[in-house]
Amino acid sequence: MLEMASLKEKRVSELTQMAKEIGIDGTSGLTKQELIFQILKAKLETGDVLHAEGVLEILPDGFGFLRFPENRYLP
């Protein structure tokens, strides 16, 4: 299981290494957030499970956003 909090705590160099280990190419120049997104995308495509904590905001049209505690909860 992937823990979102543990990914956010890692340094860019650690995330870059992790991305390379799971076969993600073209990581040079990516921001920390982009690296996390690419890692999550690759891991979830292989069936891994993601655990994240926050406040789920569901809009009237059915779309939802998970707002993380370290961010403001205001839209």
PDB file of N, CA and C in Angstrom:
ATOM      1  N   MET A   1       0.837  -1.172   0.000  1.00  0.00           N
ATOM      2  CA  MET A   1       0.000   0.000   0.000  1.00  0.00           C
ATOM      3  C   MET A   1       0.886   1.241   0.000  1.00  0.00           C
ATOM      4  N   LEU A   2       0.527   2.199  -0.832  1.00  0.00           N
ATOM      5  CA  LEU A   2       1.240   3.466  -0.880  1.00  0.00           C
ATOM      6  C   LEU A   2       0.669   4.416   0.160  1.00  0.00           C
ATOM      7  N   GLU A   3       1.541   5.112   0.850  1.00  0.00           N
ATOM      8  CA  GLU A   3       1.126   6.120   1.819  1.00  0.00           C
ATOM      9  C   GLU A   3       1.464   7.484   1.236  1.00  0.00           C
ATOM     10  N   MET A   4       0.455   8.295   0.978  1.00  0.00           N
ATOM     11  CA  MET A   4       0.681   9.615   0.404  1.00  0.00           C
ATOM     12  C   MET A   4       1.591  10.455   1.291  1.00  0.00           C
ATOM     13  N   ALA A   5       1.390  10.374   2.594  1.00  0.00           N
ATOM     14  CA  ALA A   5       2.197  11.162   3.527  1.00  0.00           C
ATOM     15  C   ALA A   5       3.678  10.808   3.422  1.00  0.00           C
ATOM     16  N   SER A   6       3.996   9.528   3.252  1.00  0.00           N
ATOM     17  CA  SER A   6       5.406   9.131   3.167  1.00  0.00           C
ATOM     18  C   SER A   6       6.036   9.618   1.864  1.00  0.00           C
ATOM     19  N   LEU A   7       5.256   9.661   0.784  1.00  0.00           N
ATOM     20  CA  LEU A   7       5.792  10.194  -0.474  1.00  0.00           C
ATOM     21  C   LEU A   7       6.080  11.686  -0.344  1.00  0.00           C
ATOM     22  N   LYS A   8       5.202  12.409   0.320  1.00  0.00           N
ATOM     23  CA  LYS A   8       5.385  13.853   0.475  1.00  0.00           C
ATOM     24  C   LYS A   8       6.598  14.183   1.344  1.00  0.00           C
ATOM     25  N   GLU A   9       6.981  13.270   2.228  1.00  0.00           N
ATOM     26  CA  GLU A   9       8.123  13.503   3.114  1.00  0.00           C
ATOM     27  C   GLU A   9       9.461  13.266   2.421  1.00  0.00           C
ATOM     28  N   LYS A  10       9.463  12.553   1.310  1.00  0.00           N
ATOM     29  CA  LYS A  10      10.708  12.210   0.624  1.00  0.00           C
ATOM     30  C   LYS A  10      11.290  13.414  -0.105  1.00  0.00           C
ATOM     31  N   ARG A  11      12.615  13.398  -0.255  1.00  0.00           N
ATOM     32  CA  ARG A  11      13.303  14.422  -1.033  1.00  0.00           C
ATOM     33  C   ARG A  11      13.142  14.115  -2.512  1.00  0.00           C
ATOM     34  N   VAL A  12      13.363  15.129  -3.346  1.00  0.00           N
ATOM     35  CA  VAL A  12      13.249  14.961  -4.799  1.00  0.00           C
ATOM     36  C   VAL A  12      14.189  13.867  -5.283  1.00  0.00           C
ATOM     37  N   SER A  13      15.396  13.806  -4.727  1.00  0.00           N
ATOM     38  CA  SER A  13      16.353  12.775  -5.151  1.00  0.00           C
ATOM     39  C   SER A  13      15.831  11.370  -4.831  1.00  0.00           C
ATOM     40  N   GLU A  14      15.180  11.212  -3.690  1.00  0.00           N
ATOM     41  CA  GLU A  14      14.602   9.910  -3.323  1.00  0.00           C
ATOM     42  C   GLU A  14      13.445   9.544  -4.248  1.00  0.00           C
ATOM     43  N   LEU A  15      12.613  10.532  -4.572  1.00  0.00           N
ATOM     44  CA  LEU A  15      11.490  10.285  -5.478  1.00  0.00           C
ATOM     45  C   LEU A  15      11.981   9.943  -6.881  1.00  0.00           C
ATOM     46  N   THR A  16      13.038  10.620  -7.319  1.00  0.00           N
ATOM     47  CA  THR A  16      13.611  10.340  -8.637  1.00  0.00           C
ATOM     48  C   THR A  16      14.132   8.915  -8.693  1.00  0.00           C
ATOM     49  N   GLN A  17      14.822   8.483  -7.645  1.00  0.00           N
ATOM     50  CA  GLN A  17      15.334   7.113  -7.579  1.00  0.00           C
ATOM     51  C   GLN A  17      14.188   6.106  -7.571  1.00  0.00           C
ATOM     52  N   MET A  18      13.169   6.392  -6.797  1.00  0.00           N
ATOM     53  CA  MET A  18      12.002   5.512  -6.726  1.00  0.00           C
ATOM     54  C   MET A  18      11.338   5.404  -8.097  1.00  0.00           C
ATOM     55  N   ALA A  19      11.216   6.516  -8.792  1.00  0.00           N
ATOM     56  CA  ALA A  19      10.607   6.524 -10.125  1.00  0.00           C
ATOM     57  C   ALA A  19      11.413   5.673 -11.099  1.00  0.00           C
ATOM     58  N   LYS A  20      12.725   5.797 -11.037  1.00  0.00           N
ATOM     59  CA  LYS A  20      13.584   4.998 -11.925  1.00  0.00           C
ATOM     60  C   LYS A  20      13.447   3.510 -11.625  1.00  0.00           C
ATOM     61  N   GLU A  21      13.338   3.170 -10.346  1.00  0.00           N
ATOM     62  CA  GLU A  21      13.224   1.763  -9.942  1.00  0.00           C
ATOM     63  C   GLU A  21      11.936   1.109 -10.435  1.00  0.00           C
ATOM     64  N   ILE A  22      10.894   1.899 -10.620  1.00  0.00           N
ATOM     65  CA  ILE A  22       9.638   1.321 -11.107  1.00  0.00           C
ATOM     66  C   ILE A  22       9.442   1.551 -12.607  1.00  0.00           C
ATOM     67  N   GLY A  23      10.500   2.042 -13.263  1.00  0.00           N
ATOM     68  CA  GLY A  23      10.479   2.123 -14.721  1.00  0.00           C
ATOM     69  C   GLY A  23       9.926   3.399 -15.319  1.00  0.00           C
ATOM     70  N   ILE A  24       9.924   4.476 -14.571  1.00  0.00           N
ATOM     71  CA  ILE A  24       9.454   5.755 -15.102  1.00  0.00           C
ATOM     72  C   ILE A  24      10.640   6.479 -15.721  1.00  0.00           C
ATOM     73  N   ASP A  25      10.526   6.798 -16.998  1.00  0.00           N
ATOM     74  CA  ASP A  25      11.584   7.523 -17.707  1.00  0.00           C
ATOM     75  C   ASP A  25      11.266   9.016 -17.746  1.00  0.00           C
ATOM     76  N   GLY A  26      12.283   9.815 -18.032  1.00  0.00           N
ATOM     77  CA  GLY A  26      12.094  11.250 -18.211  1.00  0.00           C
ATOM     78  C   GLY A  26      11.756  12.003 -16.944  1.00  0.00           C
ATOM     79  N   THR A  27      12.419  11.667 -15.857  1.00  0.00           N
ATOM     80  CA  THR A  27      12.113  12.319 -14.584  1.00  0.00           C
ATOM     81  C   THR A  27      12.930  13.585 -14.345  1.00  0.00           C
ATOM     82  N   SER A  28      13.965  13.810 -15.139  1.00  0.00           N
ATOM     83  CA  SER A  28      14.784  15.002 -14.912  1.00  0.00           C
ATOM     84  C   SER A  28      13.961  16.245 -15.235  1.00  0.00           C
ATOM     85  N   GLY A  29      14.036  17.213 -14.362  1.00  0.00           N
ATOM     86  CA  GLY A  29      13.310  18.457 -14.557  1.00  0.00           C
ATOM     87  C   GLY A  29      11.904  18.466 -13.987  1.00  0.00           C
ATOM     88  N   LEU A  30      11.427  17.325 -13.487  1.00  0.00           N
ATOM     89  CA  LEU A  30      10.092  17.287 -12.899  1.00  0.00           C
ATOM     90  C   LEU A  30      10.117  17.875 -11.492  1.00  0.00           C
ATOM     91  N   THR A  31       9.048  18.542 -11.131  1.00  0.00           N
ATOM     92  CA  THR A  31       8.929  19.056  -9.771  1.00  0.00           C
ATOM     93  C   THR A  31       8.609  17.901  -8.824  1.00  0.00           C
ATOM     94  N   LYS A  32       8.701  18.161  -7.539  1.00  0.00           N
ATOM     95  CA  LYS A  32       8.391  17.133  -6.545  1.00  0.00           C
ATOM     96  C   LYS A  32       6.957  16.639  -6.726  1.00  0.00           C
ATOM     97  N   GLN A  33       6.029  17.568  -6.919  1.00  0.00           N
ATOM     98  CA  GLN A  33       4.626  17.193  -7.088  1.00  0.00           C
ATOM     99  C   GLN A  33       4.430  16.352  -8.351  1.00  0.00           C
ATOM    100  N   GLU A  34       5.121  16.697  -9.432  1.00  0.00           N
ATOM    101  CA  GLU A  34       5.019  15.927 -10.678  1.00  0.00           C
ATOM    102  C   GLU A  34       5.588  14.524 -10.508  1.00  0.00           C
ATOM    103  N   LEU A  35       6.691  14.416  -9.774  1.00  0.00           N
ATOM    104  CA  LEU A  35       7.274  13.100  -9.499  1.00  0.00           C
ATOM    105  C   LEU A  35       6.302  12.236  -8.696  1.00  0.00           C
ATOM    106  N   ILE A  36       5.710  12.820  -7.670  1.00  0.00           N
ATOM    107  CA  ILE A  36       4.744  12.078  -6.858  1.00  0.00           C
ATOM    108  C   ILE A  36       3.585  11.612  -7.728  1.00  0.00           C
ATOM    109  N   PHE A  37       3.084  12.487  -8.589  1.00  0.00           N
ATOM    110  CA  PHE A  37       1.972  12.121  -9.467  1.00  0.00           C
ATOM    111  C   PHE A  37       2.349  10.967 -10.387  1.00  0.00           C
ATOM    112  N   GLN A  38       3.544  11.022 -10.982  1.00  0.00           N
ATOM    113  CA  GLN A  38       3.984   9.964 -11.893  1.00  0.00           C
ATOM    114  C   GLN A  38       4.150   8.634 -11.159  1.00  0.00           C
ATOM    115  N   ILE A  39       4.689   8.684  -9.953  1.00  0.00           N
ATOM    116  CA  ILE A  39       4.857   7.464  -9.150  1.00  0.00           C
ATOM    117  C   ILE A  39       3.492   6.883  -8.798  1.00  0.00           C
ATOM    118  N   LEU A  40       2.590   7.734  -8.336  1.00  0.00           N
ATOM    119  CA  LEU A  40       1.245   7.263  -7.992  1.00  0.00           C
ATOM    120  C   LEU A  40       0.546   6.660  -9.197  1.00  0.00           C
ATOM    121  N   LYS A  41       0.642   7.334 -10.315  1.00  0.00           N
ATOM    122  CA  LYS A  41      -0.002   6.854 -11.543  1.00  0.00           C
ATOM    123  C   LYS A  41       0.516   5.468 -11.918  1.00  0.00           C
ATOM    124  N   ALA A  42       1.832   5.309 -11.906  1.00  0.00           N
ATOM    125  CA  ALA A  42       2.435   4.022 -12.278  1.00  0.00           C
ATOM    126  C   ALA A  42       2.049   2.923 -11.293  1.00  0.00           C
ATOM    127  N   LYS A  43       2.092   3.226 -10.007  1.00  0.00           N
ATOM    128  CA  LYS A  43       1.779   2.215  -8.996  1.00  0.00           C
ATOM    129  C   LYS A  43       0.302   1.828  -9.016  1.00  0.00           C
ATOM    130  N   LEU A  44      -0.583   2.795  -9.194  1.00  0.00           N
ATOM    131  CA  LEU A  44      -2.014   2.499  -9.212  1.00  0.00           C
ATOM    132  C   LEU A  44      -2.404   1.708 -10.454  1.00  0.00           C
ATOM    133  N   GLU A  45      -1.698   1.934 -11.563  1.00  0.00           N
ATOM    134  CA  GLU A  45      -1.971   1.173 -12.788  1.00  0.00           C
ATOM    135  C   GLU A  45      -1.633  -0.305 -12.623  1.00  0.00           C
ATOM    136  N   THR A  46      -0.743  -0.619 -11.678  1.00  0.00           N
ATOM    137  CA  THR A  46      -0.374  -2.019 -11.444  1.00  0.00           C
ATOM    138  C   THR A  46      -1.200  -2.648 -10.322  1.00  0.00           C
ATOM    139  N   GLY A  47      -2.183  -1.905  -9.809  1.00  0.00           N
ATOM    140  CA  GLY A  47      -3.078  -2.471  -8.810  1.00  0.00           C
ATOM    141  C   GLY A  47      -2.752  -2.130  -7.371  1.00  0.00           C
ATOM    142  N   ASP A  48      -1.726  -1.315  -7.139  1.00  0.00           N
ATOM    143  CA  ASP A  48      -1.424  -0.914  -5.766  1.00  0.00           C
ATOM    144  C   ASP A  48      -2.566  -0.065  -5.206  1.00  0.00           C
ATOM    145  N   VAL A  49      -2.611   0.020  -3.886  1.00  0.00           N
ATOM    146  CA  VAL A  49      -3.645   0.781  -3.189  1.00  0.00           C
ATOM    147  C   VAL A  49      -3.002   2.023  -2.591  1.00  0.00           C
ATOM    148  N   LEU A  50      -3.716   3.136  -2.622  1.00  0.00           N
ATOM    149  CA  LEU A  50      -3.227   4.396  -2.082  1.00  0.00           C
ATOM    150  C   LEU A  50      -3.994   4.734  -0.814  1.00  0.00           C
ATOM    151  N   HIS A  51      -3.252   5.140   0.224  1.00  0.00           N
ATOM    152  CA  HIS A  51      -3.873   5.615   1.461  1.00  0.00           C
ATOM    153  C   HIS A  51      -3.520   7.087   1.607  1.00  0.00           C
ATOM    154  N   ALA A  52      -4.555   7.923   1.730  1.00  0.00           N
ATOM    155  CA  ALA A  52      -4.348   9.356   1.923  1.00  0.00           C
ATOM    156  C   ALA A  52      -5.401   9.861   2.897  1.00  0.00           C
ATOM    157  N   GLU A  53      -5.047  10.907   3.633  1.00  0.00           N
ATOM    158  CA  GLU A  53      -5.978  11.489   4.590  1.00  0.00           C
ATOM    159  C   GLU A  53      -6.255  12.928   4.214  1.00  0.00           C
ATOM    160  N   GLY A  54      -7.476  13.359   4.458  1.00  0.00           N
ATOM    161  CA  GLY A  54      -7.853  14.727   4.167  1.00  0.00           C
ATOM    162  C   GLY A  54      -9.356  14.884   4.208  1.00  0.00           C
ATOM    163  N   VAL A  55      -9.815  15.977   3.645  1.00  0.00           N
ATOM    164  CA  VAL A  55     -11.241  16.264   3.571  1.00  0.00           C
ATOM    165  C   VAL A  55     -11.678  16.097   2.128  1.00  0.00           C
ATOM    166  N   LEU A  56     -12.701  15.276   1.906  1.00  0.00           N
ATOM    167  CA  LEU A  56     -13.214  15.040   0.563  1.00  0.00           C
ATOM    168  C   LEU A  56     -14.323  16.037   0.274  1.00  0.00           C
ATOM    169  N   GLU A  57     -14.097  16.853  -0.758  1.00  0.00           N
ATOM    170  CA  GLU A  57     -15.112  17.807  -1.200  1.00  0.00           C
ATOM    171  C   GLU A  57     -15.727  17.262  -2.478  1.00  0.00           C
ATOM    172  N   ILE A  58     -17.036  17.035  -2.462  1.00  0.00           N
ATOM    173  CA  ILE A  58     -17.729  16.528  -3.641  1.00  0.00           C
ATOM    174  C   ILE A  58     -18.593  17.649  -4.203  1.00  0.00           C
ATOM    175  N   LEU A  59     -18.363  17.967  -5.467  1.00  0.00           N
ATOM    176  CA  LEU A  59     -19.094  19.035  -6.131  1.00  0.00           C
ATOM    177  C   LEU A  59     -20.455  18.533  -6.611  1.00  0.00           C
ATOM    178  N   PRO A  60     -21.378  19.448  -6.900  1.00  0.00           N
ATOM    179  CA  PRO A  60     -22.714  19.047  -7.355  1.00  0.00           C
ATOM    180  C   PRO A  60     -22.707  18.160  -8.602  1.00  0.00           C
ATOM    181  N   ASP A  61     -21.697  18.314  -9.457  1.00  0.00           N
ATOM    182  CA  ASP A  61     -21.647  17.502 -10.683  1.00  0.00           C
ATOM    183  C   ASP A  61     -21.036  16.124 -10.448  1.00  0.00           C
ATOM    184  N   GLY A  62     -20.689  15.821  -9.192  1.00  0.00           N
ATOM    185  CA  GLY A  62     -20.191  14.493  -8.861  1.00  0.00           C
ATOM    186  C   GLY A  62     -18.682  14.368  -8.767  1.00  0.00           C
ATOM    187  N   PHE A  63     -17.945  15.378  -9.216  1.00  0.00           N
ATOM    188  CA  PHE A  63     -16.492  15.330  -9.102  1.00  0.00           C
ATOM    189  C   PHE A  63     -16.092  15.587  -7.659  1.00  0.00           C
ATOM    190  N   GLY A  64     -14.993  14.967  -7.245  1.00  0.00           N
ATOM    191  CA  GLY A  64     -14.536  15.143  -5.885  1.00  0.00           C
ATOM    192  C   GLY A  64     -13.069  15.511  -5.814  1.00  0.00           C
ATOM    193  N   PHE A  65     -12.708  16.227  -4.771  1.00  0.00           N
ATOM    194  CA  PHE A  65     -11.329  16.631  -4.537  1.00  0.00           C
ATOM    195  C   PHE A  65     -10.960  16.274  -3.109  1.00  0.00           C
ATOM    196  N   LEU A  66      -9.808  15.635  -2.936  1.00  0.00           N
ATOM    197  CA  LEU A  66      -9.312  15.338  -1.603  1.00  0.00           C
ATOM    198  C   LEU A  66      -8.370  16.459  -1.207  1.00  0.00           C
ATOM    199  N   ARG A  67      -8.754  17.192  -0.196  1.00  0.00           N
ATOM    200  CA  ARG A  67      -7.944  18.316   0.278  1.00  0.00           C
ATOM    201  C   ARG A  67      -7.116  17.825   1.468  1.00  0.00           C
ATOM    202  N   PHE A  68      -5.796  18.000   1.360  1.00  0.00           N
ATOM    203  CA  PHE A  68      -4.873  17.490   2.361  1.00  0.00           C
ATOM    204  C   PHE A  68      -4.747  18.450   3.534  1.00  0.00           C
ATOM    205  N   PRO A  69      -4.494  17.924   4.731  1.00  0.00           N
ATOM    206  CA  PRO A  69      -4.431  18.751   5.939  1.00  0.00           C
ATOM    207  C   PRO A  69      -3.414  19.890   5.866  1.00  0.00           C
ATOM    208  N   GLU A  70      -2.306  19.699   5.172  1.00  0.00           N
ATOM    209  CA  GLU A  70      -1.296  20.755   5.128  1.00  0.00           C
ATOM    210  C   GLU A  70      -1.685  21.898   4.203  1.00  0.00           C
ATOM    211  N   ASN A  71      -2.744  21.706   3.415  1.00  0.00           N
ATOM    212  CA  ASN A  71      -3.264  22.762   2.553  1.00  0.00           C
ATOM    213  C   ASN A  71      -4.487  23.371   3.219  1.00  0.00           C
ATOM    214  N   ARG A  72      -4.821  24.551   2.791  1.00  0.00           N
ATOM    215  CA  ARG A  72      -6.051  25.154   3.307  1.00  0.00           C
ATOM    216  C   ARG A  72      -7.239  24.408   2.740  1.00  0.00           C
ATOM    217  N   TYR A  73      -8.273  24.306   3.513  1.00  0.00           N
ATOM    218  CA  TYR A  73      -9.473  23.602   3.070  1.00  0.00           C
ATOM    219  C   TYR A  73     -10.408  24.490   2.265  1.00  0.00           C
ATOM    220  N   LEU A  74     -10.064  25.742   2.111  1.00  0.00           N
ATOM    221  CA  LEU A  74     -10.918  26.643   1.345  1.00  0.00           C
ATOM    222  C   LEU A  74     -10.723  26.407  -0.141  1.00  0.00           C
ATOM    223  N   PRO A  75     -11.811  26.483  -0.938  1.00  0.00           N
ATOM    224  CA  PRO A  75     -11.677  26.275  -2.389  1.00  0.00           C
ATOM    225  C   PRO A  75     -10.907  27.387  -3.064  1.00  0.00           C
TER     226      PRO A  75
END
